[in-house]
Amino acid sequence: MILKVLTFPLTILTLGLFWFVINALMLELASAFVHGFEVRGFVAAFIGAIALSIVSSLLHWLVMPSRKEP
C-alpha cells in the first residue's frame, strides 16, 4: 500500500507501465527472502512481472463472473 502511494505520480506519468517495474522489484525482493526461489537479474524479473500480470488477468477473467445488467 505504501508503495502504491509513493509511486502514484510516476505511475500516472507512465500510464501504468511503471507497475511492471514495481512488480519486478518485488519479485527480486521475494527471491532474496524465499529459499529455493531465484531470479537472475532485473530483466528476468521484469519478464516475470509481465507474465504474472497476464496470468493474473486471465485468471481474474475466468474466475470472476461477468455482471449482466438487467
C-alpha atoms as a PDB file:
ATOM      1  CA  MET A   1       0.000   0.000   0.000  1.00  0.00           C
ATOM      2  CA  ILE A   2       2.807   2.395   0.839  1.00  0.00           C
ATOM      3  CA  LEU A   3       4.496   1.596  -2.466  1.00  0.00           C
ATOM      4  CA  LYS A   4       1.299   2.441  -4.352  1.00  0.00           C
ATOM      5  CA  VAL A   5       1.061   5.844  -2.702  1.00  0.00           C
ATOM      6  CA  LEU A   6       4.737   6.691  -3.154  1.00  0.00           C
ATOM      7  CA  THR A   7       4.873   5.714  -6.821  1.00  0.00           C
ATOM      8  CA  PHE A   8       1.464   7.059  -7.830  1.00  0.00           C
ATOM      9  CA  PRO A   9       2.785  10.181  -9.665  1.00  0.00           C
ATOM     10  CA  LEU A  10       5.285   8.131 -11.664  1.00  0.00           C
ATOM     11  CA  THR A  11       2.621   5.542 -12.442  1.00  0.00           C
ATOM     12  CA  ILE A  12       0.347   8.286 -13.783  1.00  0.00           C
ATOM     13  CA  LEU A  13       3.147   9.732 -15.937  1.00  0.00           C
ATOM     14  CA  THR A  14       3.965   6.344 -17.465  1.00  0.00           C
ATOM     15  CA  LEU A  15       0.291   5.400 -17.910  1.00  0.00           C
ATOM     16  CA  GLY A  16       0.640   2.449 -15.548  1.00  0.00           C
ATOM     17  CA  LEU A  17       3.733   0.920 -17.127  1.00  0.00           C
ATOM     18  CA  PHE A  18       5.797   1.673 -14.022  1.00  0.00           C
ATOM     19  CA  TRP A  19       3.823  -1.065 -12.222  1.00  0.00           C
ATOM     20  CA  PHE A  20       5.832  -3.649 -14.166  1.00  0.00           C
ATOM     21  CA  VAL A  21       8.998  -2.163 -12.667  1.00  0.00           C
ATOM     22  CA  ILE A  22       7.487  -2.240  -9.173  1.00  0.00           C
ATOM     23  CA  ASN A  23       6.380  -5.859  -9.651  1.00  0.00           C
ATOM     24  CA  ALA A  24       9.838  -6.797 -10.941  1.00  0.00           C
ATOM     25  CA  LEU A  25      11.443  -5.244  -7.867  1.00  0.00           C
ATOM     26  CA  MET A  26       9.011  -7.145  -5.638  1.00  0.00           C
ATOM     27  CA  LEU A  27       9.940 -10.399  -7.391  1.00  0.00           C
ATOM     28  CA  GLU A  28      13.616  -9.704  -6.752  1.00  0.00           C
ATOM     29  CA  LEU A  29      12.847  -8.899  -3.118  1.00  0.00           C
ATOM     30  CA  ALA A  30      10.892 -12.141  -2.758  1.00  0.00           C
ATOM     31  CA  SER A  31      13.792 -14.096  -4.241  1.00  0.00           C
ATOM     32  CA  ALA A  32      16.052 -12.635  -1.585  1.00  0.00           C
ATOM     33  CA  PHE A  33      13.843 -13.954   1.226  1.00  0.00           C
ATOM     34  CA  VAL A  34      12.397 -17.221  -0.125  1.00  0.00           C
ATOM     35  CA  HIS A  35      14.759 -20.165  -0.159  1.00  0.00           C
ATOM     36  CA  GLY A  36      14.656 -22.030  -3.491  1.00  0.00           C
ATOM     37  CA  PHE A  37      13.167 -19.110  -5.424  1.00  0.00           C
ATOM     38  CA  GLU A  38      15.741 -17.407  -7.623  1.00  0.00           C
ATOM     39  CA  VAL A  39      15.514 -14.501 -10.051  1.00  0.00           C
ATOM     40  CA  ARG A  40      18.608 -13.965 -12.184  1.00  0.00           C
ATOM     41  CA  GLY A  41      18.636 -10.252 -12.809  1.00  0.00           C
ATOM     42  CA  PHE A  42      16.256  -7.407 -13.409  1.00  0.00           C
ATOM     43  CA  VAL A  43      15.360  -8.382 -16.980  1.00  0.00           C
ATOM     44  CA  ALA A  44      14.221 -11.815 -15.823  1.00  0.00           C
ATOM     45  CA  ALA A  45      12.221 -10.198 -13.028  1.00  0.00           C
ATOM     46  CA  PHE A  46      10.665  -7.748 -15.491  1.00  0.00           C
ATOM     47  CA  ILE A  47       9.619 -10.560 -17.850  1.00  0.00           C
ATOM     48  CA  GLY A  48       8.294 -12.462 -14.840  1.00  0.00           C
ATOM     49  CA  ALA A  49       6.270  -9.421 -13.780  1.00  0.00           C
ATOM     50  CA  ILE A  50       4.708  -9.204 -17.234  1.00  0.00           C
ATOM     51  CA  ALA A  51       3.934 -12.931 -17.177  1.00  0.00           C
ATOM     52  CA  LEU A  52       2.395 -12.659 -13.702  1.00  0.00           C
ATOM     53  CA  SER A  53       0.223  -9.760 -14.842  1.00  0.00           C
ATOM     54  CA  ILE A  54      -1.038 -11.705 -17.849  1.00  0.00           C
ATOM     55  CA  VAL A  55      -1.762 -14.839 -15.810  1.00  0.00           C
ATOM     56  CA  SER A  56      -3.472 -12.801 -13.112  1.00  0.00           C
ATOM     57  CA  SER A  57      -5.669 -11.059 -15.674  1.00  0.00           C
ATOM     58  CA  LEU A  58      -6.613 -14.346 -17.346  1.00  0.00           C
ATOM     59  CA  LEU A  59      -7.471 -15.991 -14.035  1.00  0.00           C
ATOM     60  CA  HIS A  60      -9.497 -12.977 -12.972  1.00  0.00           C
ATOM     61  CA  TRP A  61     -11.389 -13.120 -16.260  1.00  0.00           C
ATOM     62  CA  LEU A  62     -12.041 -16.874 -15.903  1.00  0.00           C
ATOM     63  CA  VAL A  63     -12.966 -16.966 -12.227  1.00  0.00           C
ATOM     64  CA  MET A  64     -14.976 -13.797 -11.743  1.00  0.00           C
ATOM     65  CA  PRO A  65     -18.443 -13.965 -13.251  1.00  0.00           C
ATOM     66  CA  SER A  66     -19.380 -11.115 -15.517  1.00  0.00           C
ATOM     67  CA  ARG A  67     -22.081  -8.807 -14.280  1.00  0.00           C
ATOM     68  CA  LYS A  68     -25.088  -8.792 -16.507  1.00  0.00           C
ATOM     69  CA  GLU A  69     -27.225  -5.710 -16.340  1.00  0.00           C
ATOM     70  CA  PRO A  70     -30.982  -6.456 -16.195  1.00  0.00           C
END
